[in-house]
Amino acid sequence: MQVSERIQAEIEGHPVVLFMKGTPQFPMCGFSSRTVQAMKAAGATSFHTVNVLEEPEIRANLPRYSNWPTFPQLFINGELIGGCDITLELYESGELAQMLADAQSAEARKA
């Protein structure tokens, strides 16, 4: 499987995917840490993460795939939402909570 197919499978296989440096329990950069904190504060009970520090091929190719140069990168329902700054703006406006709730309820209906 090519790396672009692996990226696509991650994005399509989970309603909420965060490509980040480190893990939610041990973020390896401040931007990833702030993004995880905002998601949890917005009510994300569970979300899939990919540690790009352990996946060098994904780290090298995701910016081309998504046309977004930095990490973290948040995808909800297959759509790139953005990085830390956008996630924080959406959290502060209340939109992130709604987006996460919609994604999680859609996933619950599938199950």
Protein backbone atom coordinates (compact mmCIF):
# COMPACT_ATOMS: atom_id res chain seq x y z
CA MET A 1 0.00 0.00 0.00
CA GLN A 2 1.36 3.39 -0.96
CA VAL A 3 1.66 6.06 1.70
CA SER A 4 -1.11 8.17 0.14
CA GLU A 5 -3.41 5.14 0.36
CA ARG A 6 -2.43 4.65 4.01
CA ILE A 7 -3.22 8.29 4.74
CA GLN A 8 -6.55 8.04 2.97
CA ALA A 9 -7.40 4.83 4.86
CA GLU A 10 -6.70 6.54 8.19
CA ILE A 11 -8.88 9.52 7.27
CA GLU A 12 -11.74 7.45 5.88
CA GLY A 13 -11.56 4.81 8.60
CA HIS A 14 -12.25 7.13 11.53
CA PRO A 15 -14.70 10.03 11.97
CA VAL A 16 -12.08 12.12 13.83
CA VAL A 17 -8.38 11.80 13.07
CA LEU A 18 -5.59 13.92 14.47
CA PHE A 19 -2.16 13.63 12.86
CA MET A 20 0.09 14.94 15.61
CA LYS A 21 3.57 14.87 17.09
CA GLY A 22 3.41 12.42 19.97
CA THR A 23 0.27 11.02 21.56
CA PRO A 24 -2.63 12.64 23.42
CA GLN A 25 -1.09 11.42 26.68
CA PHE A 26 2.44 12.56 25.73
CA PRO A 27 2.32 15.30 23.07
CA MET A 28 5.76 16.13 21.68
CA CYS A 29 5.04 19.74 20.71
CA GLY A 30 3.03 22.59 22.13
CA PHE A 31 0.75 22.87 19.11
CA SER A 32 -0.23 19.20 19.33
CA SER A 33 -0.79 19.57 23.08
CA ARG A 34 -3.05 22.62 22.68
CA THR A 35 -5.04 20.91 19.92
CA VAL A 36 -5.67 17.82 22.06
CA GLN A 37 -6.67 20.02 25.02
CA ALA A 38 -9.14 21.97 22.86
CA MET A 39 -10.64 18.77 21.48
CA LYS A 40 -11.10 17.28 24.94
CA ALA A 41 -12.55 20.54 26.27
CA ALA A 42 -14.96 20.54 23.32
CA GLY A 43 -16.24 17.13 24.35
CA ALA A 44 -14.24 14.70 22.22
CA THR A 45 -14.61 11.44 24.09
CA SER A 46 -12.53 9.43 21.67
CA PHE A 47 -10.61 10.20 18.55
CA HIS A 48 -8.01 8.45 16.46
CA THR A 49 -4.47 9.81 16.41
CA VAL A 50 -1.45 9.13 14.27
CA ASN A 51 1.94 9.95 15.78
CA VAL A 52 3.83 11.36 12.80
CA LEU A 53 7.11 11.07 14.70
CA GLU A 54 6.71 7.28 14.56
CA GLU A 55 5.44 7.36 10.96
CA PRO A 56 8.12 9.19 8.94
CA GLU A 57 6.49 8.36 5.59
CA ILE A 58 3.19 9.88 6.71
CA ARG A 59 5.02 12.88 8.18
CA ALA A 60 6.81 13.46 4.88
CA ASN A 61 3.76 12.96 2.64
CA LEU A 62 0.73 14.25 4.54
CA PRO A 63 1.51 17.93 3.82
CA ARG A 64 1.36 17.18 0.08
CA TYR A 65 -1.75 15.03 0.48
CA SER A 66 -3.67 17.64 2.48
CA ASN A 67 -2.04 20.77 1.06
CA TRP A 68 -1.39 21.84 4.67
CA PRO A 69 2.28 22.33 5.61
CA THR A 70 2.34 21.89 9.39
CA PHE A 71 1.33 19.54 12.19
CA PRO A 72 -0.99 18.84 13.85
CA GLN A 73 -3.67 18.27 11.23
CA LEU A 74 -7.26 17.57 12.28
CA PHE A 75 -9.67 15.76 10.00
CA ILE A 76 -13.37 15.38 10.82
CA ASN A 77 -15.58 13.20 8.63
CA GLY A 78 -12.84 13.00 6.02
CA GLU A 79 -12.42 16.77 5.74
CA LEU A 80 -9.31 18.69 6.73
CA ILE A 81 -10.29 21.13 9.45
CA GLY A 82 -6.82 22.61 9.93
CA GLY A 83 -4.07 22.90 12.48
CA CYS A 84 -3.76 24.22 16.00
CA ASP A 85 -4.81 27.82 15.38
CA ILE A 86 -7.97 26.91 13.46
CA THR A 87 -8.88 24.21 15.98
CA LEU A 88 -8.53 26.73 18.83
CA GLU A 89 -10.64 29.30 16.95
CA LEU A 90 -13.35 26.70 16.36
CA TYR A 91 -13.23 25.69 20.02
CA GLU A 92 -13.57 29.29 21.21
CA SER A 93 -16.54 29.90 18.91
CA GLY A 94 -18.27 26.68 19.98
CA GLU A 95 -18.16 25.23 16.48
CA LEU A 96 -15.64 22.51 17.35
CA ALA A 97 -17.95 20.99 19.97
CA GLN A 98 -20.75 20.78 17.41
CA MET A 99 -18.48 19.30 14.73
CA LEU A 100 -17.19 16.65 17.13
CA ALA A 101 -20.68 15.84 18.42
CA ASP A 102 -21.96 15.44 14.87
CA ALA A 103 -19.05 13.16 13.94
CA GLN A 104 -19.46 11.02 17.05
CA SER A 105 -23.23 10.68 16.64
CA ALA A 106 -22.78 9.70 12.99
CA GLU A 107 -20.30 7.04 14.08
CA ALA A 108 -22.72 5.77 16.75
CA ARG A 109 -25.49 5.42 14.13
CA LYS A 110 -23.17 3.29 11.98
CA ALA A 111 -22.39 0.90 14.82
